[in-house]
Amino acid sequence: MTEGYINIKPEIEFINTENKLIQVSLKDGRKLIIPLDKFKSIKKLNIEQRKKIQIIGADAFTFDDCAEVYHLEQLLGSYTNYKHN
């Protein structure tokens, strides 16, 4: 019997960027916690700018004051399994 998150595509529900971390809650209950050090362009934003997050579709996000769009594969580190459309 195979258990776990097999064949479940992750979808973003909520993002928090406080405490020098990116915390992403997925709709399937998983939570990702990544140090902001891995994302220098986000780390450059001040606290108020980081609060202005826009979730794009099910698997991407950006900030009002940032030109870059970030995708889940950048957080999960597995482009082949989680590449955006």
Protein backbone atom coordinates (compact mmCIF):
# COMPACT_ATOMS: atom_id res chain seq x y z
CA MET A 1 0.00 0.00 0.00
CA THR A 2 1.36 3.41 -0.99
CA GLU A 3 0.68 6.22 1.44
CA GLY A 4 1.35 9.94 1.48
CA TYR A 5 0.79 12.69 -1.03
CA ILE A 6 1.01 10.58 -4.17
CA ASN A 7 -0.42 12.28 -7.28
CA ILE A 8 -1.66 15.29 -5.29
CA LYS A 9 -0.66 18.55 -6.94
CA PRO A 10 0.16 21.14 -4.27
CA GLU A 11 -1.96 24.30 -4.21
CA ILE A 12 -1.20 27.42 -2.18
CA GLU A 13 -3.74 28.41 0.44
CA PHE A 14 -1.87 31.02 2.53
CA ILE A 15 1.59 32.63 2.68
CA ASN A 16 3.31 34.36 5.60
CA THR A 17 6.71 36.03 5.33
CA GLU A 18 7.39 37.03 8.94
CA ASN A 19 10.42 36.12 11.06
CA LYS A 20 12.87 35.81 8.15
CA LEU A 21 10.92 32.81 6.80
CA ILE A 22 8.52 32.05 3.99
CA GLN A 23 5.73 29.92 5.45
CA VAL A 24 3.38 28.42 2.88
CA SER A 25 0.24 26.54 3.82
CA LEU A 26 -1.02 24.21 1.11
CA LYS A 27 -4.67 23.31 0.63
CA ASP A 28 -3.92 19.63 1.32
CA GLY A 29 -2.67 20.43 4.84
CA ARG A 30 1.08 20.52 4.22
CA LYS A 31 3.14 23.45 5.42
CA LEU A 32 6.43 24.61 3.91
CA ILE A 33 8.93 26.72 5.85
CA ILE A 34 11.87 28.16 3.91
CA PRO A 35 14.50 30.69 5.05
CA LEU A 36 14.25 34.03 3.23
CA ASP A 37 18.00 33.75 2.61
CA LYS A 38 17.15 31.45 -0.32
CA PHE A 39 15.16 34.29 -1.93
CA LYS A 40 17.29 37.44 -1.88
CA SER A 41 14.76 39.48 -3.86
CA ILE A 42 12.06 38.81 -1.23
CA LYS A 43 14.49 39.38 1.63
CA LYS A 44 15.19 42.88 0.23
CA LEU A 45 11.52 43.84 0.70
CA ASN A 46 10.65 45.48 3.99
CA ILE A 47 8.09 43.96 6.34
CA GLU A 48 5.20 46.06 5.00
CA GLN A 49 6.09 45.21 1.38
CA ARG A 50 6.22 41.48 2.25
CA LYS A 51 2.69 41.67 3.65
CA LYS A 52 1.36 42.62 0.19
CA ILE A 53 1.37 39.10 -1.26
CA GLN A 54 -0.70 38.08 -4.25
CA ILE A 55 -1.36 34.38 -4.84
CA ILE A 56 -1.53 33.66 -8.57
CA GLY A 57 -3.53 30.60 -9.57
CA ALA A 58 -2.84 27.57 -7.40
CA ASP A 59 0.93 27.45 -7.52
CA ALA A 60 2.50 30.93 -7.74
CA PHE A 61 2.80 34.19 -5.84
CA THR A 62 4.28 37.66 -6.09
CA PHE A 63 4.41 40.90 -4.13
CA ASP A 64 3.06 44.34 -5.06
CA ASP A 65 6.58 45.82 -5.02
CA CYS A 66 8.38 42.93 -6.71
CA ALA A 67 8.50 42.14 -10.44
CA GLU A 68 9.27 38.45 -9.95
CA VAL A 69 6.68 35.67 -9.83
CA TYR A 70 7.62 32.72 -7.61
CA HIS A 71 6.36 29.20 -8.23
CA LEU A 72 6.00 26.25 -5.88
CA GLU A 73 8.78 24.33 -7.62
CA GLN A 74 11.17 27.04 -6.42
CA LEU A 75 10.11 26.23 -2.85
CA LEU A 76 9.89 22.46 -3.23
CA GLY A 77 13.11 22.11 -5.23
CA SER A 78 11.62 19.65 -7.71
CA TYR A 79 10.95 21.28 -11.07
CA THR A 80 10.09 18.00 -12.80
CA ASN A 81 7.32 17.11 -10.34
CA TYR A 82 5.92 20.55 -9.65
CA LYS A 83 6.55 22.65 -12.75
CA HIS A 84 4.00 25.39 -13.41
CA ASN A 85 1.88 25.48 -16.54
